N, C-alpha and C. Protein backbone atom coordinates (compact mmCIF):
# COMPACT_ATOMS: atom_id res chain seq x y z
N MET A 1 0.84 -1.18 0.00
CA MET A 1 0.00 0.00 0.00
C MET A 1 0.88 1.25 0.00
N LYS A 2 0.54 2.20 -0.86
CA LYS A 2 1.31 3.44 -0.97
C LYS A 2 1.00 4.35 0.22
N LYS A 3 2.01 5.12 0.63
CA LYS A 3 1.88 5.98 1.80
C LYS A 3 1.83 7.45 1.39
N ILE A 4 0.85 8.16 1.94
CA ILE A 4 0.65 9.59 1.67
C ILE A 4 0.91 10.36 2.95
N VAL A 5 1.67 11.44 2.84
CA VAL A 5 1.87 12.37 3.94
C VAL A 5 1.32 13.72 3.50
N ILE A 6 0.51 14.33 4.37
CA ILE A 6 -0.10 15.61 4.05
C ILE A 6 0.51 16.71 4.92
N PHE A 7 0.78 17.85 4.29
CA PHE A 7 1.18 19.07 5.00
C PHE A 7 0.05 20.07 4.87
N ALA A 8 -0.37 20.66 5.99
CA ALA A 8 -1.44 21.66 5.99
C ALA A 8 -1.17 22.68 7.09
N SER A 9 -1.72 23.88 6.92
CA SER A 9 -1.52 24.94 7.91
C SER A 9 -2.81 25.42 8.57
N GLY A 10 -3.96 25.01 8.04
CA GLY A 10 -5.21 25.61 8.52
C GLY A 10 -6.28 24.63 8.91
N SER A 11 -7.46 24.84 8.35
CA SER A 11 -8.64 24.08 8.77
C SER A 11 -8.56 22.61 8.40
N GLY A 12 -7.93 22.30 7.30
CA GLY A 12 -7.73 20.90 6.95
C GLY A 12 -8.90 20.22 6.27
N SER A 13 -9.80 20.99 5.65
CA SER A 13 -10.93 20.35 4.99
C SER A 13 -10.47 19.49 3.80
N ASN A 14 -9.49 19.96 3.05
CA ASN A 14 -8.95 19.14 1.96
C ASN A 14 -8.22 17.92 2.50
N ALA A 15 -7.47 18.10 3.57
CA ALA A 15 -6.75 16.98 4.17
C ALA A 15 -7.73 15.90 4.63
N GLU A 16 -8.80 16.32 5.30
CA GLU A 16 -9.79 15.35 5.76
C GLU A 16 -10.48 14.65 4.59
N ASN A 17 -10.77 15.41 3.54
CA ASN A 17 -11.38 14.82 2.36
C ASN A 17 -10.47 13.74 1.75
N ILE A 18 -9.17 14.00 1.73
CA ILE A 18 -8.21 13.03 1.20
C ILE A 18 -8.12 11.81 2.13
N ILE A 19 -8.07 12.04 3.43
CA ILE A 19 -8.04 10.94 4.40
C ILE A 19 -9.25 10.02 4.18
N LEU A 20 -10.42 10.63 4.07
CA LEU A 20 -11.65 9.84 3.90
C LEU A 20 -11.67 9.10 2.56
N HIS A 21 -11.16 9.76 1.51
CA HIS A 21 -11.13 9.12 0.19
C HIS A 21 -10.32 7.82 0.21
N PHE A 22 -9.20 7.83 0.92
CA PHE A 22 -8.31 6.67 0.90
C PHE A 22 -8.53 5.71 2.07
N LYS A 23 -9.41 6.06 2.99
CA LYS A 23 -9.69 5.17 4.12
C LYS A 23 -10.27 3.86 3.59
N ASN A 24 -9.73 2.76 4.06
CA ASN A 24 -10.19 1.41 3.68
C ASN A 24 -9.98 1.10 2.19
N LYS A 25 -9.03 1.78 1.56
CA LYS A 25 -8.69 1.46 0.17
C LYS A 25 -7.30 0.82 0.17
N SER A 26 -7.10 -0.14 -0.72
CA SER A 26 -5.81 -0.83 -0.76
C SER A 26 -4.76 -0.04 -1.54
N GLN A 27 -5.21 0.96 -2.30
CA GLN A 27 -4.31 1.71 -3.16
C GLN A 27 -3.34 2.59 -2.38
N GLY A 28 -3.83 3.23 -1.35
CA GLY A 28 -2.99 4.12 -0.58
C GLY A 28 -3.66 4.52 0.71
N ASN A 29 -2.88 5.16 1.58
CA ASN A 29 -3.40 5.55 2.87
C ASN A 29 -2.64 6.78 3.37
N VAL A 30 -3.35 7.70 4.01
CA VAL A 30 -2.69 8.85 4.63
C VAL A 30 -2.14 8.37 5.96
N ILE A 31 -0.81 8.44 6.08
CA ILE A 31 -0.17 7.92 7.29
C ILE A 31 0.17 9.02 8.29
N ALA A 32 0.23 10.28 7.85
CA ALA A 32 0.57 11.37 8.76
C ALA A 32 0.14 12.71 8.18
N VAL A 33 -0.17 13.62 9.10
CA VAL A 33 -0.43 15.02 8.75
C VAL A 33 0.55 15.87 9.54
N LEU A 34 1.29 16.69 8.82
CA LEU A 34 2.27 17.57 9.45
C LEU A 34 1.82 19.02 9.28
N THR A 35 2.02 19.82 10.33
CA THR A 35 1.63 21.22 10.28
C THR A 35 2.61 22.10 11.03
N ASN A 36 2.70 23.33 10.58
CA ASN A 36 3.51 24.34 11.25
C ASN A 36 2.68 25.16 12.24
N ASN A 37 1.38 24.86 12.34
CA ASN A 37 0.46 25.65 13.16
C ASN A 37 -0.10 24.78 14.28
N PRO A 38 0.35 24.99 15.52
CA PRO A 38 -0.11 24.15 16.63
C PRO A 38 -1.61 24.30 16.94
N HIS A 39 -2.24 25.32 16.38
CA HIS A 39 -3.66 25.57 16.61
C HIS A 39 -4.52 25.21 15.39
N ALA A 40 -3.93 24.61 14.40
CA ALA A 40 -4.65 24.31 13.16
C ALA A 40 -5.73 23.25 13.40
N LYS A 41 -6.88 23.48 12.83
CA LYS A 41 -8.00 22.53 12.95
C LYS A 41 -7.67 21.20 12.26
N VAL A 42 -6.71 21.21 11.33
CA VAL A 42 -6.32 19.97 10.66
C VAL A 42 -5.84 18.93 11.66
N LEU A 43 -5.26 19.35 12.78
CA LEU A 43 -4.80 18.40 13.79
C LEU A 43 -5.98 17.60 14.36
N GLU A 44 -7.03 18.30 14.71
CA GLU A 44 -8.24 17.65 15.23
C GLU A 44 -8.85 16.72 14.19
N ARG A 45 -8.92 17.20 12.96
CA ARG A 45 -9.51 16.37 11.89
C ARG A 45 -8.70 15.09 11.70
N ALA A 46 -7.39 15.20 11.66
CA ALA A 46 -6.54 14.01 11.47
C ALA A 46 -6.66 13.05 12.65
N GLU A 47 -6.62 13.59 13.86
CA GLU A 47 -6.72 12.75 15.05
C GLU A 47 -8.06 12.02 15.10
N ASN A 48 -9.13 12.66 14.63
CA ASN A 48 -10.45 12.01 14.58
C ASN A 48 -10.46 10.78 13.69
N HIS A 49 -9.50 10.70 12.77
CA HIS A 49 -9.40 9.56 11.85
C HIS A 49 -8.18 8.68 12.17
N ASN A 50 -7.64 8.88 13.37
CA ASN A 50 -6.49 8.07 13.84
C ASN A 50 -5.28 8.18 12.92
N VAL A 51 -5.06 9.38 12.39
CA VAL A 51 -3.89 9.64 11.56
C VAL A 51 -2.86 10.37 12.43
N GLU A 52 -1.62 9.91 12.37
CA GLU A 52 -0.55 10.54 13.14
C GLU A 52 -0.43 12.02 12.79
N THR A 53 -0.19 12.85 13.80
CA THR A 53 0.03 14.28 13.56
C THR A 53 1.39 14.70 14.09
N VAL A 54 1.99 15.65 13.40
CA VAL A 54 3.29 16.18 13.79
C VAL A 54 3.22 17.70 13.66
N VAL A 55 3.57 18.40 14.73
CA VAL A 55 3.64 19.86 14.69
C VAL A 55 5.12 20.24 14.71
N PHE A 56 5.49 21.17 13.83
CA PHE A 56 6.89 21.58 13.74
C PHE A 56 6.96 23.10 13.62
N SER A 57 8.12 23.63 13.91
CA SER A 57 8.36 25.07 13.79
C SER A 57 8.93 25.39 12.41
N LYS A 58 8.93 26.66 12.08
CA LYS A 58 9.51 27.10 10.81
C LYS A 58 11.01 26.74 10.77
N THR A 59 11.67 26.86 11.91
CA THR A 59 13.09 26.50 12.00
C THR A 59 13.29 25.02 11.71
N GLU A 60 12.42 24.17 12.28
CA GLU A 60 12.54 22.73 12.07
C GLU A 60 12.27 22.34 10.62
N LEU A 61 11.47 23.14 9.93
CA LEU A 61 11.23 22.88 8.51
C LEU A 61 12.51 23.09 7.71
N SER A 62 13.28 24.11 8.08
CA SER A 62 14.47 24.44 7.29
C SER A 62 15.76 23.80 7.80
N ASP A 63 15.79 23.32 9.05
CA ASP A 63 17.06 22.80 9.59
C ASP A 63 17.26 21.29 9.41
N GLY A 64 16.34 20.64 8.71
CA GLY A 64 16.50 19.22 8.45
C GLY A 64 15.67 18.32 9.37
N THR A 65 15.09 18.87 10.42
CA THR A 65 14.29 18.07 11.35
C THR A 65 13.07 17.47 10.65
N VAL A 66 12.38 18.28 9.85
CA VAL A 66 11.19 17.78 9.14
C VAL A 66 11.60 16.78 8.07
N LEU A 67 12.68 17.02 7.37
CA LEU A 67 13.17 16.06 6.38
C LEU A 67 13.46 14.72 7.04
N GLN A 68 14.06 14.76 8.20
CA GLN A 68 14.35 13.52 8.93
C GLN A 68 13.05 12.76 9.25
N LYS A 69 12.02 13.48 9.66
CA LYS A 69 10.73 12.85 9.95
C LYS A 69 10.11 12.26 8.68
N ILE A 70 10.19 13.01 7.58
CA ILE A 70 9.67 12.50 6.30
C ILE A 70 10.40 11.21 5.92
N ASN A 71 11.71 11.21 6.07
CA ASN A 71 12.49 10.02 5.74
C ASN A 71 12.09 8.82 6.60
N GLN A 72 11.74 9.07 7.85
CA GLN A 72 11.27 7.98 8.73
C GLN A 72 9.93 7.44 8.23
N LEU A 73 9.06 8.33 7.75
CA LEU A 73 7.73 7.93 7.28
C LEU A 73 7.79 7.23 5.92
N GLN A 74 8.79 7.54 5.12
CA GLN A 74 8.98 6.96 3.78
C GLN A 74 7.73 7.06 2.90
N PRO A 75 7.25 8.29 2.67
CA PRO A 75 6.03 8.44 1.85
C PRO A 75 6.30 8.19 0.37
N ASP A 76 5.25 7.72 -0.30
CA ASP A 76 5.29 7.61 -1.75
C ASP A 76 4.88 8.93 -2.39
N LEU A 77 4.09 9.73 -1.65
CA LEU A 77 3.63 11.02 -2.15
C LEU A 77 3.46 11.98 -0.98
N ILE A 78 3.93 13.21 -1.16
CA ILE A 78 3.75 14.28 -0.18
C ILE A 78 2.76 15.26 -0.78
N VAL A 79 1.69 15.55 -0.04
CA VAL A 79 0.61 16.38 -0.54
C VAL A 79 0.52 17.65 0.30
N LEU A 80 0.65 18.80 -0.35
CA LEU A 80 0.46 20.08 0.33
C LEU A 80 -1.00 20.49 0.12
N ALA A 81 -1.74 20.58 1.20
CA ALA A 81 -3.17 20.90 1.14
C ALA A 81 -3.43 22.09 2.05
N GLY A 82 -3.18 23.28 1.51
CA GLY A 82 -3.32 24.48 2.33
C GLY A 82 -2.12 24.69 3.24
N PHE A 83 -0.95 24.33 2.75
CA PHE A 83 0.29 24.55 3.49
C PHE A 83 0.89 25.85 3.00
N LEU A 84 1.15 26.79 3.93
CA LEU A 84 1.45 28.16 3.53
C LEU A 84 2.93 28.54 3.51
N LEU A 85 3.81 27.68 3.97
CA LEU A 85 5.23 28.02 3.98
C LEU A 85 5.91 27.51 2.70
N MET A 86 6.99 28.19 2.34
CA MET A 86 7.80 27.73 1.21
C MET A 86 8.41 26.38 1.57
N PHE A 87 8.26 25.42 0.68
CA PHE A 87 8.79 24.08 0.94
C PHE A 87 10.30 24.10 0.68
N PRO A 88 11.09 23.54 1.58
CA PRO A 88 12.56 23.61 1.46
C PRO A 88 13.10 22.85 0.25
N ALA A 89 14.11 23.44 -0.36
CA ALA A 89 14.76 22.83 -1.53
C ALA A 89 15.34 21.46 -1.19
N ALA A 90 15.83 21.28 0.04
CA ALA A 90 16.43 20.00 0.43
C ALA A 90 15.40 18.87 0.38
N ILE A 91 14.16 19.15 0.79
CA ILE A 91 13.11 18.13 0.74
C ILE A 91 12.71 17.88 -0.71
N ILE A 92 12.57 18.96 -1.48
CA ILE A 92 12.19 18.83 -2.90
C ILE A 92 13.24 18.00 -3.65
N ALA A 93 14.52 18.24 -3.36
CA ALA A 93 15.60 17.51 -4.04
C ALA A 93 15.56 16.02 -3.70
N GLN A 94 15.19 15.70 -2.48
CA GLN A 94 15.17 14.30 -2.06
C GLN A 94 13.91 13.56 -2.53
N TYR A 95 12.85 14.33 -2.85
CA TYR A 95 11.58 13.72 -3.29
C TYR A 95 11.12 14.35 -4.61
N PRO A 96 11.93 14.23 -5.67
CA PRO A 96 11.55 14.84 -6.94
C PRO A 96 10.28 14.22 -7.52
N ASN A 97 9.38 15.07 -7.97
CA ASN A 97 8.10 14.64 -8.54
C ASN A 97 7.29 13.76 -7.59
N LYS A 98 7.48 13.96 -6.30
CA LYS A 98 6.73 13.24 -5.28
C LYS A 98 6.04 14.21 -4.32
N ILE A 99 6.08 15.51 -4.65
CA ILE A 99 5.45 16.53 -3.81
C ILE A 99 4.50 17.33 -4.69
N ILE A 100 3.22 17.36 -4.29
CA ILE A 100 2.23 18.10 -5.08
C ILE A 100 1.49 19.09 -4.20
N ASN A 101 0.89 20.07 -4.85
CA ASN A 101 0.13 21.12 -4.17
C ASN A 101 -1.13 21.39 -4.96
N VAL A 102 -2.17 21.83 -4.26
CA VAL A 102 -3.37 22.33 -4.94
C VAL A 102 -3.41 23.84 -4.75
N HIS A 103 -3.64 24.55 -5.84
CA HIS A 103 -3.72 26.02 -5.81
C HIS A 103 -5.12 26.44 -6.23
N PRO A 104 -5.73 27.40 -5.52
CA PRO A 104 -7.13 27.77 -5.79
C PRO A 104 -7.31 28.77 -6.93
N ALA A 105 -6.63 28.54 -8.03
CA ALA A 105 -6.77 29.39 -9.23
C ALA A 105 -6.18 28.63 -10.40
N LEU A 106 -6.42 29.17 -11.59
CA LEU A 106 -5.89 28.56 -12.81
C LEU A 106 -4.51 29.15 -13.08
N LEU A 107 -3.48 28.47 -12.59
CA LEU A 107 -2.12 28.95 -12.79
C LEU A 107 -1.80 29.01 -14.28
N PRO A 108 -0.99 29.96 -14.72
CA PRO A 108 -0.13 30.81 -13.92
C PRO A 108 -0.81 32.05 -13.32
N LYS A 109 -2.09 32.25 -13.61
CA LYS A 109 -2.79 33.39 -13.02
C LYS A 109 -2.91 33.22 -11.51
N TYR A 110 -2.75 34.31 -10.80
CA TYR A 110 -3.00 34.39 -9.35
C TYR A 110 -2.16 33.43 -8.53
N GLY A 111 -0.91 33.25 -8.94
CA GLY A 111 0.01 32.43 -8.18
C GLY A 111 1.11 33.29 -7.59
N GLY A 112 1.93 32.68 -6.78
CA GLY A 112 3.08 33.38 -6.20
C GLY A 112 2.91 33.67 -4.73
N LYS A 113 3.93 34.30 -4.16
CA LYS A 113 3.95 34.61 -2.74
C LYS A 113 2.74 35.47 -2.36
N GLY A 114 2.09 35.07 -1.30
CA GLY A 114 0.94 35.82 -0.79
C GLY A 114 -0.37 35.48 -1.47
N MET A 115 -0.32 34.68 -2.53
CA MET A 115 -1.54 34.33 -3.26
C MET A 115 -2.03 32.96 -2.77
N TYR A 116 -2.85 33.02 -1.75
CA TYR A 116 -3.45 31.81 -1.19
C TYR A 116 -4.83 32.17 -0.63
N GLY A 117 -5.69 31.16 -0.54
CA GLY A 117 -6.99 31.34 0.08
C GLY A 117 -7.77 32.54 -0.43
N MET A 118 -8.31 33.31 0.50
CA MET A 118 -9.16 34.45 0.15
C MET A 118 -8.41 35.52 -0.63
N ASN A 119 -7.10 35.61 -0.46
CA ASN A 119 -6.33 36.59 -1.25
C ASN A 119 -6.52 36.32 -2.74
N VAL A 120 -6.51 35.05 -3.11
CA VAL A 120 -6.70 34.67 -4.51
C VAL A 120 -8.12 35.01 -4.95
N HIS A 121 -9.10 34.62 -4.17
CA HIS A 121 -10.50 34.82 -4.55
C HIS A 121 -10.86 36.30 -4.65
N LYS A 122 -10.29 37.12 -3.76
CA LYS A 122 -10.52 38.58 -3.84
C LYS A 122 -9.93 39.14 -5.13
N ALA A 123 -8.73 38.71 -5.48
CA ALA A 123 -8.08 39.19 -6.71
C ALA A 123 -8.88 38.77 -7.94
N VAL A 124 -9.37 37.54 -7.95
CA VAL A 124 -10.17 37.03 -9.07
C VAL A 124 -11.43 37.88 -9.22
N LEU A 125 -12.09 38.17 -8.10
CA LEU A 125 -13.32 38.98 -8.12
C LEU A 125 -13.02 40.41 -8.59
N GLU A 126 -11.97 41.01 -8.04
CA GLU A 126 -11.62 42.39 -8.39
C GLU A 126 -11.26 42.53 -9.87
N ASN A 127 -10.76 41.47 -10.46
CA ASN A 127 -10.39 41.51 -11.88
C ASN A 127 -11.52 41.07 -12.80
N HIS A 128 -12.69 40.87 -12.22
CA HIS A 128 -13.91 40.53 -12.99
C HIS A 128 -13.72 39.32 -13.89
N GLU A 129 -13.04 38.31 -13.36
CA GLU A 129 -12.85 37.07 -14.11
C GLU A 129 -14.20 36.38 -14.30
N LYS A 130 -14.36 35.73 -15.41
CA LYS A 130 -15.59 34.98 -15.68
C LYS A 130 -15.48 33.53 -15.20
N GLU A 131 -14.24 33.07 -15.06
CA GLU A 131 -14.03 31.73 -14.53
C GLU A 131 -12.76 31.69 -13.69
N THR A 132 -12.71 30.72 -12.83
CA THR A 132 -11.51 30.42 -12.05
C THR A 132 -11.48 28.91 -11.91
N GLY A 133 -10.65 28.42 -11.01
CA GLY A 133 -10.59 26.97 -10.86
C GLY A 133 -9.50 26.55 -9.92
N ILE A 134 -9.00 25.34 -10.16
CA ILE A 134 -7.91 24.80 -9.35
C ILE A 134 -6.79 24.33 -10.27
N SER A 135 -5.60 24.35 -9.71
CA SER A 135 -4.43 23.79 -10.38
C SER A 135 -3.74 22.87 -9.39
N ILE A 136 -3.52 21.65 -9.80
CA ILE A 136 -2.73 20.72 -9.00
C ILE A 136 -1.40 20.60 -9.72
N HIS A 137 -0.32 20.88 -8.97
CA HIS A 137 1.00 20.96 -9.62
C HIS A 137 2.08 20.36 -8.73
N TYR A 138 3.19 19.99 -9.39
CA TYR A 138 4.36 19.56 -8.64
C TYR A 138 4.95 20.78 -7.94
N VAL A 139 5.57 20.53 -6.81
CA VAL A 139 6.19 21.60 -6.04
C VAL A 139 7.65 21.71 -6.44
N ASN A 140 8.07 22.96 -6.71
CA ASN A 140 9.49 23.22 -6.93
C ASN A 140 9.93 24.34 -5.97
N GLU A 141 11.07 24.94 -6.24
CA GLU A 141 11.63 25.92 -5.30
C GLU A 141 10.95 27.29 -5.36
N GLN A 142 9.98 27.47 -6.27
CA GLN A 142 9.26 28.75 -6.38
C GLN A 142 7.78 28.51 -6.07
N TYR A 143 7.15 29.52 -5.48
CA TYR A 143 5.72 29.40 -5.20
C TYR A 143 4.94 29.20 -6.50
N ASP A 144 4.18 28.13 -6.57
CA ASP A 144 3.20 27.89 -7.63
C ASP A 144 3.78 27.86 -9.04
N GLU A 145 5.04 27.47 -9.19
CA GLU A 145 5.66 27.44 -10.51
C GLU A 145 6.02 26.04 -10.99
N GLY A 146 5.72 25.02 -10.21
CA GLY A 146 6.00 23.65 -10.63
C GLY A 146 5.08 23.23 -11.76
N ALA A 147 5.47 22.19 -12.47
CA ALA A 147 4.68 21.71 -13.62
C ALA A 147 3.26 21.37 -13.21
N VAL A 148 2.31 21.86 -13.99
CA VAL A 148 0.89 21.60 -13.71
C VAL A 148 0.55 20.17 -14.11
N ILE A 149 -0.12 19.47 -13.22
CA ILE A 149 -0.55 18.09 -13.44
C ILE A 149 -1.99 18.07 -13.94
N PHE A 150 -2.83 18.95 -13.36
CA PHE A 150 -4.26 18.93 -13.64
C PHE A 150 -4.86 20.30 -13.34
N GLN A 151 -5.82 20.70 -14.15
CA GLN A 151 -6.60 21.91 -13.89
C GLN A 151 -8.07 21.63 -14.15
N ALA A 152 -8.92 22.29 -13.39
CA ALA A 152 -10.36 22.25 -13.60
C ALA A 152 -10.88 23.66 -13.40
N SER A 153 -11.84 24.07 -14.22
CA SER A 153 -12.36 25.43 -14.13
C SER A 153 -13.84 25.41 -13.79
N VAL A 154 -14.31 26.57 -13.33
CA VAL A 154 -15.71 26.75 -12.99
C VAL A 154 -16.12 28.18 -13.33
N ASN A 155 -17.33 28.33 -13.84
CA ASN A 155 -17.87 29.65 -14.16
C ASN A 155 -18.23 30.36 -12.86
N ILE A 156 -17.81 31.63 -12.75
CA ILE A 156 -18.10 32.39 -11.53
C ILE A 156 -18.81 33.71 -11.84
N GLU A 157 -19.42 33.81 -13.00
CA GLU A 157 -20.10 35.05 -13.37
C GLU A 157 -21.22 35.40 -12.38
N ASP A 158 -21.78 34.40 -11.71
CA ASP A 158 -22.85 34.65 -10.74
C ASP A 158 -22.33 34.96 -9.34
N CYS A 159 -21.03 34.92 -9.13
CA CYS A 159 -20.45 35.15 -7.80
C CYS A 159 -20.24 36.63 -7.54
N LYS A 160 -20.74 37.09 -6.40
CA LYS A 160 -20.62 38.50 -6.03
C LYS A 160 -19.64 38.73 -4.89
N THR A 161 -19.17 37.65 -4.26
CA THR A 161 -18.25 37.76 -3.12
C THR A 161 -17.11 36.76 -3.26
N PRO A 162 -15.99 37.05 -2.59
CA PRO A 162 -14.89 36.07 -2.59
C PRO A 162 -15.32 34.74 -1.96
N GLU A 163 -16.20 34.80 -0.98
CA GLU A 163 -16.68 33.59 -0.32
C GLU A 163 -17.45 32.70 -1.29
N ALA A 164 -18.25 33.31 -2.16
CA ALA A 164 -19.01 32.55 -3.15
C ALA A 164 -18.05 31.85 -4.13
N ILE A 165 -16.99 32.57 -4.50
CA ILE A 165 -15.97 31.97 -5.37
C ILE A 165 -15.28 30.82 -4.63
N ALA A 166 -14.94 31.06 -3.37
CA ALA A 166 -14.26 30.03 -2.57
C ALA A 166 -15.10 28.75 -2.50
N ASN A 167 -16.40 28.89 -2.34
CA ASN A 167 -17.27 27.70 -2.27
C ASN A 167 -17.20 26.88 -3.55
N LYS A 168 -17.21 27.55 -4.69
CA LYS A 168 -17.14 26.82 -5.97
C LYS A 168 -15.76 26.16 -6.15
N VAL A 169 -14.72 26.86 -5.73
CA VAL A 169 -13.36 26.32 -5.85
C VAL A 169 -13.19 25.11 -4.92
N HIS A 170 -13.73 25.21 -3.70
CA HIS A 170 -13.64 24.08 -2.77
C HIS A 170 -14.31 22.84 -3.34
N GLU A 171 -15.43 23.01 -4.00
CA GLU A 171 -16.12 21.87 -4.62
C GLU A 171 -15.19 21.18 -5.63
N LEU A 172 -14.47 21.98 -6.42
CA LEU A 172 -13.53 21.40 -7.38
C LEU A 172 -12.40 20.66 -6.67
N GLU A 173 -11.89 21.27 -5.59
CA GLU A 173 -10.80 20.64 -4.84
C GLU A 173 -11.26 19.30 -4.26
N TYR A 174 -12.43 19.29 -3.62
CA TYR A 174 -12.91 18.08 -2.98
C TYR A 174 -13.14 16.97 -3.99
N LYS A 175 -13.59 17.32 -5.18
CA LYS A 175 -13.85 16.31 -6.21
C LYS A 175 -12.56 15.80 -6.84
N HIS A 176 -11.69 16.71 -7.26
CA HIS A 176 -10.57 16.33 -8.12
C HIS A 176 -9.26 16.00 -7.40
N PHE A 177 -8.99 16.62 -6.25
CA PHE A 177 -7.69 16.42 -5.61
C PHE A 177 -7.47 14.94 -5.24
N PRO A 178 -8.43 14.27 -4.59
CA PRO A 178 -8.20 12.84 -4.30
C PRO A 178 -8.05 11.99 -5.56
N GLU A 179 -8.78 12.32 -6.61
CA GLU A 179 -8.69 11.55 -7.86
C GLU A 179 -7.30 11.68 -8.48
N VAL A 180 -6.75 12.89 -8.47
CA VAL A 180 -5.41 13.10 -9.03
C VAL A 180 -4.37 12.37 -8.18
N ILE A 181 -4.51 12.44 -6.87
CA ILE A 181 -3.60 11.72 -5.98
C ILE A 181 -3.65 10.22 -6.30
N ALA A 182 -4.84 9.69 -6.46
CA ALA A 182 -4.98 8.25 -6.77
C ALA A 182 -4.27 7.89 -8.07
N ARG A 183 -4.41 8.75 -9.08
CA ARG A 183 -3.73 8.48 -10.36
C ARG A 183 -2.21 8.52 -10.19
N LEU A 184 -1.71 9.48 -9.42
CA LEU A 184 -0.27 9.59 -9.21
C LEU A 184 0.28 8.39 -8.45
N LEU A 185 -0.50 7.82 -7.56
CA LEU A 185 -0.05 6.65 -6.80
C LEU A 185 0.10 5.42 -7.70
N GLU A 186 -0.58 5.44 -8.83
CA GLU A 186 -0.50 4.31 -9.77
C GLU A 186 0.72 4.37 -10.67
N ILE A 187 1.36 5.52 -10.73
CA ILE A 187 2.53 5.70 -11.60
C ILE A 187 3.73 4.95 -11.05
């Protein structure tokens, strides 16, 4: 069975959706959730499903402590699901094409430092976009610049608030992110 490790910084709705998708499946399993936020709701969500949780500091992310933990876990795939820190080059180098992220926009639009969550949805609304979507991509040393694996779009002409856009984007994430992970585990 393939092993999935998830990194998240916030509420963890995508992480929980992925945990549930792979629960009781022979293809893969989420073995741990790691976070830099000791107050993140993702910890509670993971613990409710008996998934190991690890909290680390920004220093531990960059000094090799987190890499050491990843090496102990031996994941087949590392999934960033709302993880807000820059992923270290040392981890990326050791796990090439084994680290993916979901971004709440159609990259290359609305990517880069500071473009996450509601910041993205506000920018999309302010620019009067007719559609937005999700991009699932490999992680490299730059924010949101890794090779795109999958994109899905949704019409947002009826959306008047960033929250309305966020709801449509979350639906895409919940549907497609686990499916893309499953396909990558088969490679």
